[in-house]
Amino acid sequence: MFNYNSDDTLCKKNAYNKRNSYFTGTVDIVTIDLRQGHVIVTEIHVTFIVK
């Protein structure tokens, strides 16, 4: 789910899509600073679909 480079603490974006399951959605992770140990989630959008 996380997509980042240890040498890059600038914005990274990784979209997680799960299909043919109980839910589908995207999770956007932005601004990961490994030196400070901070993980900032600026947007979470998940739509649950019961099948």
Foldseek 3Di string as FASTA:
>chain_A
DDDDDLVDQFFDFDFDADPPDQWGFTFTWTGQHVVVRDTDGPDGDTDGHGD
